[in-house]
Amino acid sequence: MSAPVIYARLAAAHLRGDRGLIVIVALFALLLPLATPRIYATDEVQYYVYLRSLRFDGDLDFANDYQRFAELNPRSGIEGSLLQPNRVRPRTGRYGNIAPVGAAIMWAPFFLLADALVHGANASGTRIPADGFSAPYIYAVCYASALYGLLGVILSYRLARRFASGFAATLASVTIWLASPLVFYMYVQMPFAHATGLFLTALFLTIWYETREWGRNDAQGRPERSWRAWLALGLVGGLMTITREQLGLFLLAPALEALWRYAHLVRLPRAVGRLAVRHALFVGAFAVALTPQLIVYQILNGEPRPASEVSGKLNWCSPHFLDTLIDVDPAPDFWCPGASDFTATFPPFSRGALVWSPALGLGLIGLALLWRRDRLLTMALLTAFLAQTWINGAFGTTWHLTGAFGFRRLIECTPIFVVGLALVNDYLIKRIGRGGVIIPAVVLIGWNAGLVVNATIFNAETNLRRGLTWPDVWRWQMEAPLRVVEKAGDLLFRRCRFFENQRCD
């Protein structure tokens, strides 16, 4: 019997024995019919064109790609942004692309499989355009993104199982998934990088924790990470970073661990040297994984670094650090007295992550419970979360993500939220029973479902993606279920009616 068959049977047996995994996979499958696989606006186009241009044009000149997508989606904003003269890089004469290349690398196997299937079908007499713009290519990357999101949720669940019961971890995983922007970017705006970034982040944290160099007893093995684990950490960490640059801040977790290890080995020079060699291997693997992005920077920008339109957005004192979580007063925070921007006029409580998705706040509270179990892990996860919040608040005039659904830039922190919420669930179950955690979870998921409906089907009326407007939000949320029932037929069979730039032929 071959090794792949053995591994497949072992995986199937494990799945049958883990009810949490069964629930998560079943929910994923049940929601798939609601997916809207398409590439529409500027962000999705930028993530995707790496694949299309390299495969069909053999270059990274995106002029024709942007122009074609602008023709397909005339009201998507592509003409007014990606094709503007100021987007041409002076050194190279090429149109820029501020999307990192990592998501395209992760989608590449699915894209190439779709390409092979298209050519195979055409050889049999069908006439599917083999151009990278037709449905098979778009569907391939969209469903690849959703699949990576599922894997990210599963890895988050497995991490939570280290500290909480199966029921608590399952409920936490489902709640954070369905009561946050993650579900939107897995099923509605599918070809964003967030679901793929979540998978890589969860994989990075899983490898790091499962091979941890602290808190192990003799039965669990020596507290020294193998060179293979360091190599995997470096490669995954690099790929994570070139999927969304800010995810590189999750490397603070192993950095804290390294400081802890060196402090404990200070009087053992041979052990320090051995650890330093492994850290050098990690850095080398990380650098290798960054290479594709550096090459892209060089080809597009004429230098191996991001364009100024990206780095120029940053205000390093993070004037909207608090606003990214709860925007009580959208004016710049007090520690940035010289900062000022137009977002100070925004209404309060309209864009903050914890305002849109209160479930995330419960996950953060749970880190206090994790402190009792593993202090180093708690410090590492909290540091990574604060670093993500800091960099988000540093994006001067774009911190608010107006036009997006919720605060999407914290999606990759899902493993942190899931672990925290799982511990909160266990804590409450012991005191008030399962019903006391199921009901709030259902309410939070229902609230987010209402926001999804109002930000998609009824966005022309609510303009919800511009921010939560109180007290109108309460009315829109109460009306959403009845309005969905009225349009159930279109939602199930004619969703094209809700899309811009798409006809129901």
Foldseek 3Di string as FASTA:
>chain_A
DDPVVVVVVVVVVVCVVAVLLVVLVVVLVVCQLLFDQDQAADQLLLQQVVQLCCVAVVDDACQVVLVVNCVLHVPRCSCVPQVDPVQQAPVFRGGDRQAFHLLVVQLVVLLVVLLVVVVVVVVVPDDFDSRCRTDSNSVSSLQSLLVLLSLLLVLLLVVLVVPFPSVLLSLLSVLLCLLACNVCCNGPVRSHLLSNLLSLLSVLVSLPVLLALDDDDVVSPHSDGDLVSLLVNLLSLLSSCSNPVLSVLLVLLVVLSLVVVCVVCVVPVVVVVVVVVSVVSSPVSNVVNNVVRQVSCCNRNVGRDGDCVVVVQFDQVLQCLVVQAFCQQRAGDPVCVPAGDPSRPPHGLWQHQCSSRVLLVQLVVLLVVVCVVDVSNSVSLVSSQSSLSSRLSRRRPCSRVQVDQHRSSCSSSSSSSSSSSSSVQRVVCVPPNNVVVVVVSVVSSLLNVLSSCCVFQVCVPVVSSRTDDPPVSVVSSVCRVVVCVVCVVCSSPPVQVRDRSGDDD
